[in-house]
């Protein structure tokens, strides 16, 4: 279904993660809600930091609104399923990817956009991984998010090439792909939407 996403990512989601997601759907939904909020926050922070990049801020403004809509949609599902809101700690995934970001401009912007592309691509691939196994309501909801996640991935990548040198962007993609693959395939202490393979007791 998603050849462009699959080609971009360095690996597919392991079966162990899918099993954990099905066993802990409350955690999956709670963490998904948090991820949507963080995605909106990231878009807003890019607007604040790079406020002279007109194309970028126009897109990120729209993206922030869309991510907040998704946040509200997950909230409604949580309420309908009587899953109480509670704190869920962040996984190591996003911080692990951001550790690969260079700290000086303009490379920091390019690297941040590449990391954003990987996060969106992995989110899309995770939705695809669980959709066949979920109940009708949740399967339909996650399937409906696939198109938007692909679009977000494509636009993050497009801006990386717009604001960076193509050869440098290609090198960054290879570097981040290796980090991302390690985070996805390695054992993780807990299940989260972007966790590695959970080592469940």
N, C-alpha and C. Protein backbone atom coordinates (compact mmCIF):
# COMPACT_ATOMS: atom_id res chain seq x y z
N UNK A 1 0.81 -1.21 0.00
CA UNK A 1 0.00 0.00 0.00
C UNK A 1 0.85 1.27 0.00
N UNK A 2 2.00 1.22 0.66
CA UNK A 2 2.76 2.43 0.91
C UNK A 2 4.21 2.28 0.46
N UNK A 3 4.43 2.03 -0.82
CA UNK A 3 5.81 1.77 -1.27
C UNK A 3 6.76 2.92 -1.00
N UNK A 4 6.31 4.16 -1.13
CA UNK A 4 7.20 5.30 -0.89
C UNK A 4 7.66 5.34 0.56
N UNK A 5 6.74 5.07 1.47
CA UNK A 5 7.08 5.04 2.90
C UNK A 5 8.00 3.87 3.20
N UNK A 6 7.68 2.70 2.65
CA UNK A 6 8.50 1.52 2.90
C UNK A 6 9.92 1.70 2.36
N UNK A 7 10.05 2.32 1.21
CA UNK A 7 11.37 2.56 0.63
C UNK A 7 12.17 3.54 1.47
N UNK A 8 11.50 4.48 2.10
CA UNK A 8 12.18 5.51 2.89
C UNK A 8 12.68 4.94 4.22
N UNK A 9 11.85 4.14 4.86
CA UNK A 9 12.21 3.57 6.15
C UNK A 9 13.22 2.43 5.97
N UNK A 10 14.01 2.20 7.01
CA UNK A 10 15.02 1.16 6.93
C UNK A 10 14.54 -0.21 7.32
N UNK A 11 13.33 -0.31 7.86
CA UNK A 11 12.80 -1.61 8.29
C UNK A 11 11.30 -1.50 8.47
N UNK A 12 10.65 -2.65 8.56
CA UNK A 12 9.23 -2.70 8.88
C UNK A 12 9.06 -2.89 10.38
N UNK A 13 7.88 -2.60 10.87
CA UNK A 13 7.57 -2.80 12.28
C UNK A 13 7.64 -4.29 12.63
N UNK A 14 8.39 -4.66 13.67
CA UNK A 14 8.47 -6.07 14.07
C UNK A 14 7.13 -6.60 14.57
N UNK A 15 6.91 -7.89 14.38
CA UNK A 15 5.65 -8.52 14.81
C UNK A 15 5.45 -8.38 16.32
N UNK A 16 6.55 -8.37 17.08
CA UNK A 16 6.45 -8.25 18.53
C UNK A 16 5.81 -6.94 18.97
N UNK A 17 6.07 -5.87 18.19
CA UNK A 17 5.44 -4.59 18.52
C UNK A 17 3.93 -4.66 18.27
N UNK A 18 3.54 -5.26 17.15
CA UNK A 18 2.11 -5.38 16.82
C UNK A 18 1.39 -6.17 17.91
N UNK A 19 1.99 -7.24 18.35
CA UNK A 19 1.38 -8.05 19.43
C UNK A 19 1.19 -7.22 20.69
N UNK A 20 2.20 -6.43 21.03
CA UNK A 20 2.10 -5.58 22.23
C UNK A 20 1.02 -4.51 22.06
N UNK A 21 0.92 -3.95 20.85
CA UNK A 21 -0.09 -2.93 20.59
C UNK A 21 -1.50 -3.48 20.76
N UNK A 22 -1.73 -4.69 20.28
CA UNK A 22 -3.05 -5.29 20.40
C UNK A 22 -3.37 -5.63 21.85
N UNK A 23 -2.35 -5.98 22.61
CA UNK A 23 -2.55 -6.33 24.02
C UNK A 23 -2.71 -5.10 24.90
N UNK A 24 -2.23 -3.94 24.44
CA UNK A 24 -2.26 -2.72 25.25
C UNK A 24 -2.84 -1.55 24.44
N UNK A 25 -4.05 -1.76 23.96
CA UNK A 25 -4.65 -0.73 23.11
C UNK A 25 -4.92 0.56 23.87
N UNK A 26 -5.11 0.48 25.18
CA UNK A 26 -5.30 1.71 25.95
C UNK A 26 -4.03 2.56 25.91
N UNK A 27 -2.87 1.92 26.11
CA UNK A 27 -1.60 2.65 26.05
C UNK A 27 -1.35 3.17 24.64
N UNK A 28 -1.67 2.36 23.64
CA UNK A 28 -1.48 2.79 22.25
C UNK A 28 -2.27 4.07 21.98
N UNK A 29 -3.52 4.11 22.42
CA UNK A 29 -4.35 5.29 22.17
C UNK A 29 -3.89 6.49 22.99
N UNK A 30 -3.54 6.27 24.24
CA UNK A 30 -3.07 7.37 25.08
C UNK A 30 -1.78 7.98 24.53
N UNK A 31 -0.86 7.11 24.12
CA UNK A 31 0.39 7.61 23.58
C UNK A 31 0.19 8.23 22.21
N UNK A 32 -0.73 7.67 21.42
CA UNK A 32 -1.05 8.27 20.12
C UNK A 32 -1.58 9.69 20.32
N UNK A 33 -2.45 9.86 21.29
CA UNK A 33 -2.95 11.21 21.60
C UNK A 33 -1.80 12.16 21.89
N UNK A 34 -0.86 11.70 22.72
CA UNK A 34 0.29 12.54 23.07
C UNK A 34 1.14 12.85 21.83
N UNK A 35 1.29 11.87 20.96
CA UNK A 35 2.08 12.07 19.75
C UNK A 35 1.47 13.13 18.84
N UNK A 36 0.15 13.13 18.74
CA UNK A 36 -0.51 14.13 17.91
C UNK A 36 -0.30 15.54 18.48
N UNK A 37 -0.36 15.64 19.80
CA UNK A 37 -0.12 16.94 20.44
C UNK A 37 1.32 17.39 20.22
N UNK A 38 2.26 16.46 20.36
CA UNK A 38 3.68 16.80 20.15
C UNK A 38 3.93 17.19 18.71
N UNK A 39 3.25 16.55 17.77
CA UNK A 39 3.41 16.91 16.36
C UNK A 39 2.95 18.34 16.10
N UNK A 40 1.84 18.72 16.74
CA UNK A 40 1.37 20.10 16.62
C UNK A 40 2.36 21.06 17.26
N UNK A 41 2.90 20.68 18.40
CA UNK A 41 3.87 21.53 19.11
C UNK A 41 5.14 21.72 18.29
N UNK A 42 5.57 20.65 17.63
CA UNK A 42 6.76 20.74 16.79
C UNK A 42 6.54 21.71 15.64
N UNK A 43 5.37 21.62 15.02
CA UNK A 43 5.06 22.54 13.93
C UNK A 43 5.07 23.99 14.42
N UNK A 44 4.50 24.24 15.58
CA UNK A 44 4.47 25.59 16.13
C UNK A 44 5.87 26.08 16.48
N UNK A 45 6.71 25.18 16.99
CA UNK A 45 8.07 25.58 17.35
C UNK A 45 8.88 25.92 16.10
N UNK A 46 8.63 25.23 15.00
CA UNK A 46 9.31 25.56 13.75
C UNK A 46 8.87 26.93 13.23
N UNK A 47 7.59 27.24 13.41
CA UNK A 47 7.10 28.58 13.02
C UNK A 47 7.82 29.66 13.83
N UNK A 48 7.95 29.43 15.13
CA UNK A 48 8.57 30.42 16.01
C UNK A 48 10.05 30.60 15.70
N UNK A 49 10.74 29.49 15.43
CA UNK A 49 12.20 29.54 15.25
C UNK A 49 12.60 30.02 13.87
N UNK A 50 11.81 29.65 12.85
CA UNK A 50 12.18 29.96 11.47
C UNK A 50 11.13 30.88 10.85
N UNK A 51 10.92 32.02 11.51
CA UNK A 51 9.80 32.88 11.14
C UNK A 51 10.06 33.76 9.92
N UNK A 52 11.18 33.57 9.25
CA UNK A 52 11.40 34.27 7.98
C UNK A 52 11.24 33.34 6.78
N UNK A 53 10.98 32.06 7.05
CA UNK A 53 10.81 31.07 5.98
C UNK A 53 9.32 30.97 5.64
N UNK A 54 8.86 31.79 4.70
CA UNK A 54 7.43 31.96 4.46
C UNK A 54 6.74 30.64 4.09
N UNK A 55 7.32 29.89 3.18
CA UNK A 55 6.69 28.63 2.76
C UNK A 55 6.57 27.67 3.94
N UNK A 56 7.62 27.61 4.73
CA UNK A 56 7.63 26.69 5.88
C UNK A 56 6.58 27.07 6.90
N UNK A 57 6.49 28.35 7.25
CA UNK A 57 5.54 28.72 8.31
C UNK A 57 4.10 28.60 7.84
N UNK A 58 3.85 28.85 6.55
CA UNK A 58 2.49 28.66 6.05
C UNK A 58 2.07 27.20 6.16
N UNK A 59 2.97 26.31 5.77
CA UNK A 59 2.64 24.88 5.86
C UNK A 59 2.52 24.42 7.30
N UNK A 60 3.46 24.82 8.15
CA UNK A 60 3.44 24.36 9.54
C UNK A 60 2.22 24.88 10.30
N UNK A 61 1.72 26.02 9.91
CA UNK A 61 0.50 26.53 10.51
C UNK A 61 -0.67 25.59 10.22
N UNK A 62 -0.77 25.18 8.95
CA UNK A 62 -1.83 24.23 8.58
C UNK A 62 -1.62 22.87 9.24
N UNK A 63 -0.35 22.45 9.30
CA UNK A 63 -0.05 21.15 9.90
C UNK A 63 -0.42 21.13 11.38
N UNK A 64 -0.10 22.20 12.10
CA UNK A 64 -0.43 22.25 13.53
C UNK A 64 -1.92 22.10 13.75
N UNK A 65 -2.72 22.78 12.92
CA UNK A 65 -4.18 22.66 13.06
C UNK A 65 -4.64 21.23 12.79
N UNK A 66 -4.08 20.61 11.77
CA UNK A 66 -4.49 19.25 11.42
C UNK A 66 -4.11 18.27 12.52
N UNK A 67 -2.91 18.42 13.08
CA UNK A 67 -2.49 17.51 14.15
C UNK A 67 -3.38 17.67 15.39
N UNK A 68 -3.81 18.89 15.67
CA UNK A 68 -4.70 19.10 16.82
C UNK A 68 -6.08 18.49 16.57
N UNK A 69 -6.54 18.50 15.33
CA UNK A 69 -7.79 17.82 15.00
C UNK A 69 -7.65 16.32 15.29
N UNK A 70 -6.53 15.75 14.88
CA UNK A 70 -6.29 14.33 15.16
C UNK A 70 -6.24 14.07 16.66
N UNK A 71 -5.62 14.99 17.38
CA UNK A 71 -5.57 14.89 18.85
C UNK A 71 -6.97 14.84 19.43
N UNK A 72 -7.84 15.69 18.94
CA UNK A 72 -9.22 15.73 19.43
C UNK A 72 -9.97 14.45 19.04
N UNK A 73 -9.69 13.92 17.86
CA UNK A 73 -10.34 12.68 17.44
C UNK A 73 -9.95 11.52 18.34
N UNK A 74 -8.68 11.43 18.71
CA UNK A 74 -8.25 10.36 19.61
C UNK A 74 -8.88 10.56 20.99
N UNK A 75 -8.97 11.79 21.42
CA UNK A 75 -9.63 12.07 22.71
C UNK A 75 -11.06 11.56 22.72
N UNK A 76 -11.77 11.76 21.61
CA UNK A 76 -13.16 11.29 21.55
C UNK A 76 -13.22 9.77 21.62
N UNK A 77 -12.29 9.10 20.97
CA UNK A 77 -12.26 7.63 21.03
C UNK A 77 -11.97 7.16 22.45
N UNK A 78 -11.04 7.82 23.10
CA UNK A 78 -10.72 7.46 24.50
C UNK A 78 -11.95 7.63 25.39
N UNK A 79 -12.66 8.72 25.20
CA UNK A 79 -13.85 8.97 26.01
C UNK A 79 -14.92 7.92 25.73
N UNK A 80 -15.14 7.62 24.45
CA UNK A 80 -16.15 6.63 24.06
C UNK A 80 -15.83 5.26 24.64
N UNK A 81 -14.55 4.94 24.71
CA UNK A 81 -14.13 3.62 25.21
C UNK A 81 -13.87 3.62 26.72
N UNK A 82 -14.20 4.73 27.35
CA UNK A 82 -14.05 4.87 28.80
C UNK A 82 -12.61 4.57 29.26
N UNK A 83 -11.67 5.06 28.48
CA UNK A 83 -10.26 4.96 28.86
C UNK A 83 -9.88 6.28 29.51
N UNK A 84 -9.62 6.24 30.80
CA UNK A 84 -9.31 7.45 31.53
C UNK A 84 -7.95 8.02 31.12
N UNK A 85 -7.90 9.34 31.03
CA UNK A 85 -6.63 9.99 30.73
C UNK A 85 -5.68 9.82 31.92
N UNK A 86 -4.43 9.53 31.62
CA UNK A 86 -3.41 9.40 32.66
C UNK A 86 -2.05 9.65 32.01
N UNK A 87 -1.07 10.04 32.81
CA UNK A 87 0.25 10.30 32.23
C UNK A 87 0.86 9.05 31.61
N UNK A 88 1.42 9.22 30.45
CA UNK A 88 2.15 8.14 29.77
C UNK A 88 3.50 8.73 29.37
N UNK A 89 4.56 8.17 29.89
CA UNK A 89 5.89 8.70 29.62
C UNK A 89 6.23 8.57 28.13
N UNK A 90 7.08 9.47 27.67
CA UNK A 90 7.49 9.44 26.26
C UNK A 90 8.45 8.28 26.03
N UNK A 91 8.42 7.74 24.82
CA UNK A 91 9.39 6.71 24.45
C UNK A 91 10.73 7.38 24.15
N UNK A 92 11.75 6.56 23.93
CA UNK A 92 13.08 7.08 23.60
C UNK A 92 13.20 7.45 22.12
N UNK A 93 12.15 7.20 21.35
CA UNK A 93 12.22 7.30 19.89
C UNK A 93 12.57 8.71 19.41
N UNK A 94 11.74 9.69 19.73
CA UNK A 94 11.96 11.04 19.20
C UNK A 94 13.26 11.62 19.71
N UNK A 95 13.55 11.45 20.99
CA UNK A 95 14.80 11.99 21.53
C UNK A 95 16.00 11.28 20.90
N UNK A 96 15.85 9.97 20.62
CA UNK A 96 16.92 9.24 19.97
C UNK A 96 17.20 9.76 18.57
N UNK A 97 16.14 10.09 17.84
CA UNK A 97 16.32 10.65 16.49
C UNK A 97 16.92 12.05 16.55
N UNK A 98 16.45 12.85 17.49
CA UNK A 98 16.92 14.24 17.56
C UNK A 98 18.37 14.33 18.02
N UNK A 99 18.87 13.27 18.64
CA UNK A 99 20.28 13.26 19.03
C UNK A 99 21.19 13.29 17.81
N UNK A 100 20.63 12.91 16.65
CA UNK A 100 21.42 12.91 15.42
C UNK A 100 21.40 14.27 14.71
N UNK A 101 20.64 15.22 15.24
CA UNK A 101 20.50 16.52 14.59
C UNK A 101 21.72 17.40 14.88
N UNK A 102 22.28 17.98 13.82
CA UNK A 102 23.38 18.91 14.00
C UNK A 102 22.90 20.19 14.68
N UNK A 103 23.77 20.85 15.40
CA UNK A 103 23.36 21.97 16.26
C UNK A 103 23.56 23.33 15.62
N UNK A 104 24.14 23.39 14.43
CA UNK A 104 24.40 24.68 13.80
C UNK A 104 23.56 24.82 12.54
N UNK A 105 23.16 26.04 12.26
CA UNK A 105 22.34 26.34 11.09
C UNK A 105 23.22 26.53 9.86
N UNK A 106 22.72 26.28 8.66
CA UNK A 106 21.33 25.86 8.35
C UNK A 106 21.11 24.36 8.48
N UNK A 107 22.14 23.64 8.91
CA UNK A 107 22.03 22.18 8.98
C UNK A 107 21.02 21.72 10.02
N UNK A 108 20.86 22.49 11.09
CA UNK A 108 19.91 22.09 12.13
C UNK A 108 18.49 22.02 11.58
N UNK A 109 18.11 23.01 10.77
CA UNK A 109 16.78 23.00 10.18
C UNK A 109 16.61 21.79 9.26
N UNK A 110 17.58 21.56 8.40
CA UNK A 110 17.50 20.43 7.47
C UNK A 110 17.37 19.11 8.22
N UNK A 111 18.21 18.93 9.24
CA UNK A 111 18.18 17.68 10.00
C UNK A 111 16.86 17.52 10.74
N UNK A 112 16.34 18.60 11.29
CA UNK A 112 15.06 18.57 12.00
C UNK A 112 13.94 18.17 11.05
N UNK A 113 13.98 18.67 9.83
CA UNK A 113 12.96 18.32 8.84
C UNK A 113 13.07 16.86 8.43
N UNK A 114 14.29 16.35 8.29
CA UNK A 114 14.47 14.93 7.96
C UNK A 114 13.95 14.06 9.09
N UNK A 115 14.25 14.42 10.33
CA UNK A 115 13.73 13.68 11.49
C UNK A 115 12.20 13.70 11.47
N UNK A 116 11.62 14.86 11.17
CA UNK A 116 10.17 14.95 11.08
C UNK A 116 9.61 14.01 10.01
N UNK A 117 10.31 13.90 8.90
CA UNK A 117 9.87 12.99 7.83
C UNK A 117 9.88 11.54 8.31
N UNK A 118 10.91 11.17 9.06
CA UNK A 118 10.97 9.80 9.57
C UNK A 118 9.88 9.53 10.60
N UNK A 119 9.60 10.48 11.46
CA UNK A 119 8.54 10.29 12.46
C UNK A 119 7.19 10.10 11.79
N UNK A 120 6.91 10.93 10.78
CA UNK A 120 5.63 10.82 10.08
C UNK A 120 5.55 9.52 9.27
N UNK A 121 6.66 9.15 8.63
CA UNK A 121 6.67 7.91 7.86
C UNK A 121 6.46 6.70 8.77
N UNK A 122 7.12 6.69 9.91
CA UNK A 122 6.95 5.56 10.83
C UNK A 122 5.54 5.53 11.40
N UNK A 123 4.97 6.68 11.70
CA UNK A 123 3.59 6.71 12.19
C UNK A 123 2.66 6.08 11.17
N UNK A 124 2.86 6.44 9.92
CA UNK A 124 2.04 5.89 8.84
C UNK A 124 2.20 4.37 8.76
N UNK A 125 3.44 3.90 8.83
CA UNK A 125 3.71 2.48 8.73
C UNK A 125 3.14 1.72 9.92
N UNK A 126 3.15 2.35 11.10
CA UNK A 126 2.57 1.71 12.28
C UNK A 126 1.06 1.59 12.15
N UNK A 127 0.41 2.63 11.65
CA UNK A 127 -1.03 2.53 11.42
C UNK A 127 -1.32 1.37 10.48
N UNK A 128 -0.56 1.29 9.41
CA UNK A 128 -0.75 0.22 8.43
C UNK A 128 -0.56 -1.15 9.09
N UNK A 129 0.40 -1.25 10.01
CA UNK A 129 0.71 -2.53 10.65
C UNK A 129 -0.42 -3.05 11.53
N UNK A 130 -1.13 -2.12 12.20
CA UNK A 130 -2.16 -2.56 13.14
C UNK A 130 -3.56 -2.59 12.56
N UNK A 131 -3.79 -1.85 11.48
CA UNK A 131 -5.14 -1.74 10.92
C UNK A 131 -5.82 -3.11 10.69
N UNK A 132 -5.13 -4.10 10.12
CA UNK A 132 -5.83 -5.37 9.85
C UNK A 132 -6.26 -6.13 11.11
N UNK A 133 -5.73 -5.75 12.26
CA UNK A 133 -5.96 -6.51 13.49
C UNK A 133 -6.92 -5.84 14.46
N UNK A 134 -7.35 -4.62 14.16
CA UNK A 134 -8.16 -3.85 15.09
C UNK A 134 -9.65 -4.04 14.84
N UNK A 135 -10.47 -3.62 15.81
CA UNK A 135 -11.91 -3.65 15.61
C UNK A 135 -12.29 -2.65 14.53
N UNK A 136 -13.51 -2.74 14.05
CA UNK A 136 -13.94 -1.97 12.88
C UNK A 136 -13.78 -0.46 13.08
N UNK A 137 -14.18 0.05 14.23
CA UNK A 137 -14.12 1.49 14.47
C UNK A 137 -12.68 1.99 14.44
N UNK A 138 -11.81 1.34 15.19
CA UNK A 138 -10.43 1.80 15.29
C UNK A 138 -9.67 1.55 13.99
N UNK A 139 -9.97 0.45 13.33
CA UNK A 139 -9.34 0.16 12.04
C UNK A 139 -9.69 1.24 11.02
N UNK A 140 -10.95 1.62 10.97
CA UNK A 140 -11.39 2.66 10.03
C UNK A 140 -10.71 3.99 10.34
N UNK A 141 -10.61 4.32 11.62
CA UNK A 141 -9.98 5.58 12.02
C UNK A 141 -8.51 5.61 11.62
N UNK A 142 -7.78 4.56 11.94
CA UNK A 142 -6.35 4.53 11.63
C UNK A 142 -6.11 4.45 10.13
N UNK A 143 -6.95 3.71 9.42
CA UNK A 143 -6.82 3.67 7.97
C UNK A 143 -7.03 5.06 7.38
N UNK A 144 -7.95 5.81 7.96
CA UNK A 144 -8.23 7.16 7.49
C UNK A 144 -7.07 8.13 7.71
N UNK A 145 -6.19 7.81 8.66
CA UNK A 145 -5.05 8.68 8.93
C UNK A 145 -3.88 8.42 7.98
N UNK A 146 -3.90 7.30 7.29
CA UNK A 146 -2.76 6.94 6.45
C UNK A 146 -2.43 8.02 5.42
N UNK A 147 -3.44 8.52 4.73
CA UNK A 147 -3.20 9.49 3.67
C UNK A 147 -2.58 10.77 4.21
N UNK A 148 -3.07 11.24 5.37
CA UNK A 148 -2.52 12.47 5.93
C UNK A 148 -1.08 12.27 6.39
N UNK A 149 -0.78 11.10 6.98
CA UNK A 149 0.58 10.85 7.44
C UNK A 149 1.56 10.77 6.27
N UNK A 150 1.13 10.16 5.17
CA UNK A 150 1.98 10.14 3.98
C UNK A 150 2.24 11.56 3.49
N UNK A 151 1.22 12.37 3.46
CA UNK A 151 1.38 13.76 3.02
C UNK A 151 2.33 14.53 3.93
N UNK A 152 2.20 14.33 5.25
CA UNK A 152 3.10 15.01 6.20
C UNK A 152 4.55 14.59 5.95
N UNK A 153 4.77 13.29 5.78
CA UNK A 153 6.11 12.77 5.49
C UNK A 153 6.67 13.42 4.22
N UNK A 154 5.87 13.45 3.16
CA UNK A 154 6.33 14.01 1.89
C UNK A 154 6.69 15.48 2.02
N UNK A 155 5.90 16.22 2.78
CA UNK A 155 6.15 17.65 2.90
C UNK A 155 7.36 17.95 3.78
N UNK A 156 7.56 17.22 4.86
CA UNK A 156 8.78 17.40 5.64
C UNK A 156 10.01 17.16 4.77
N UNK A 157 9.96 16.11 3.97
CA UNK A 157 11.09 15.78 3.10
C UNK A 157 11.27 16.85 2.02
N UNK A 158 10.17 17.32 1.47
CA UNK A 158 10.24 18.36 0.45
C UNK A 158 10.91 19.62 0.99
N UNK A 159 10.57 20.02 2.20
CA UNK A 159 11.18 21.21 2.78
C UNK A 159 12.66 20.98 3.11
N UNK A 160 13.02 19.76 3.49
CA UNK A 160 14.44 19.47 3.74
C UNK A 160 15.26 19.73 2.48
N UNK A 161 14.75 19.27 1.34
CA UNK A 161 15.46 19.50 0.08
C UNK A 161 15.37 20.96 -0.36
N UNK A 162 14.28 21.64 0.00
CA UNK A 162 14.15 23.05 -0.37
C UNK A 162 15.17 23.92 0.36
N UNK A 163 15.41 23.60 1.63
CA UNK A 163 16.29 24.45 2.43
C UNK A 163 17.71 23.91 2.59
N UNK A 164 17.97 22.74 2.01
CA UNK A 164 19.30 22.16 2.12
C UNK A 164 19.86 21.73 0.78
N UNK A 165 21.15 21.44 0.77
CA UNK A 165 21.81 20.90 -0.41
C UNK A 165 21.40 19.44 -0.58
N UNK A 166 21.04 19.05 -1.80
CA UNK A 166 20.48 17.72 -2.03
C UNK A 166 21.42 16.60 -1.58
N UNK A 167 22.70 16.73 -1.89
CA UNK A 167 23.65 15.69 -1.49
C UNK A 167 23.76 15.59 0.02
N UNK A 168 23.73 16.73 0.69
CA UNK A 168 23.80 16.73 2.15
C UNK A 168 22.53 16.11 2.74
N UNK A 169 21.37 16.45 2.18
CA UNK A 169 20.11 15.87 2.66
C UNK A 169 20.14 14.35 2.50
N UNK A 170 20.66 13.89 1.38
CA UNK A 170 20.76 12.44 1.16
C UNK A 170 21.62 11.78 2.23
N UNK A 171 22.72 12.42 2.60
CA UNK A 171 23.60 11.87 3.65
C UNK A 171 22.89 11.85 4.99
N UNK A 172 22.15 12.91 5.29
CA UNK A 172 21.42 12.98 6.55
C UNK A 172 20.37 11.87 6.61
N UNK A 173 19.67 11.65 5.51
CA UNK A 173 18.65 10.60 5.47
C UNK A 173 19.28 9.25 5.80
N UNK A 174 20.42 8.96 5.21
CA UNK A 174 21.10 7.68 5.47
C UNK A 174 21.48 7.57 6.94
N UNK A 175 21.99 8.65 7.51
CA UNK A 175 22.41 8.64 8.92
C UNK A 175 21.21 8.43 9.84
N UNK A 176 20.14 9.18 9.60
CA UNK A 176 18.96 9.08 10.47
C UNK A 176 18.27 7.74 10.26
N UNK A 177 18.28 7.22 9.04
CA UNK A 177 17.66 5.92 8.77
C UNK A 177 18.31 4.83 9.63
N UNK A 178 19.60 4.87 9.77
CA UNK A 178 20.30 3.86 10.58
C UNK A 178 19.92 3.98 12.05
N UNK A 179 19.85 5.20 12.54
CA UNK A 179 19.45 5.43 13.94
C UNK A 179 18.01 4.97 14.16
N UNK A 180 17.14 5.32 13.22
CA UNK A 180 15.72 4.97 13.35
C UNK A 180 15.52 3.47 13.34
N UNK A 181 16.24 2.80 12.48
CA UNK A 181 16.11 1.34 12.41
C UNK A 181 16.54 0.69 13.73
N UNK A 182 17.62 1.17 14.30
CA UNK A 182 18.08 0.63 15.58
C UNK A 182 17.04 0.84 16.68
N UNK A 183 16.41 2.02 16.70
CA UNK A 183 15.39 2.31 17.71
C UNK A 183 14.17 1.41 17.55
N UNK A 184 13.82 1.09 16.32
CA UNK A 184 12.62 0.29 16.04
C UNK A 184 12.87 -1.20 16.28
N UNK A 185 14.05 -1.68 15.93
CA UNK A 185 14.31 -3.11 15.99
C UNK A 185 14.89 -3.59 17.32
N UNK A 186 15.42 -2.68 18.12
CA UNK A 186 16.05 -3.09 19.37
C UNK A 186 15.02 -3.27 20.48
N UNK A 187 15.35 -4.04 21.51
CA UNK A 187 14.42 -4.25 22.63
C UNK A 187 14.14 -2.93 23.35
N UNK A 188 12.92 -2.82 23.87
CA UNK A 188 12.51 -1.62 24.60
C UNK A 188 11.93 -2.03 25.94
N UNK A 189 12.09 -1.16 26.92
CA UNK A 189 11.63 -1.50 28.27
C UNK A 189 10.13 -1.41 28.42
N UNK A 190 9.46 -0.68 27.50
CA UNK A 190 8.01 -0.51 27.62
C UNK A 190 7.40 -0.31 26.24
N UNK A 191 6.13 -0.55 26.14
CA UNK A 191 5.41 -0.37 24.88
C UNK A 191 4.96 1.08 24.74
N UNK A 192 5.26 1.66 23.61
CA UNK A 192 4.75 2.97 23.23
C UNK A 192 4.49 2.94 21.72
N UNK A 193 3.81 3.97 21.21
CA UNK A 193 3.45 3.98 19.80
C UNK A 193 4.69 3.89 18.91
N UNK A 194 5.79 4.53 19.33
CA UNK A 194 7.01 4.49 18.53
C UNK A 194 8.12 3.69 19.21
N UNK A 195 7.77 2.81 20.12
CA UNK A 195 8.81 2.06 20.83
C UNK A 195 9.44 1.00 19.94
N UNK A 196 10.56 0.46 20.43
CA UNK A 196 11.12 -0.72 19.80
C UNK A 196 10.28 -1.93 20.20
N UNK A 197 10.90 -3.09 20.18
CA UNK A 197 10.18 -4.32 20.52
C UNK A 197 10.06 -4.41 22.04
N UNK A 198 8.86 -4.32 22.59
CA UNK A 198 8.71 -4.31 24.05
C UNK A 198 9.09 -5.66 24.66
N UNK A 199 9.83 -5.59 25.74
CA UNK A 199 10.19 -6.80 26.48
C UNK A 199 9.21 -6.95 27.63
N UNK A 200 8.05 -7.54 27.33
CA UNK A 200 6.97 -7.62 28.30
C UNK A 200 7.18 -8.80 29.23
N UNK A 201 6.84 -8.58 30.51
CA UNK A 201 6.97 -9.65 31.51
C UNK A 201 5.89 -10.69 31.29
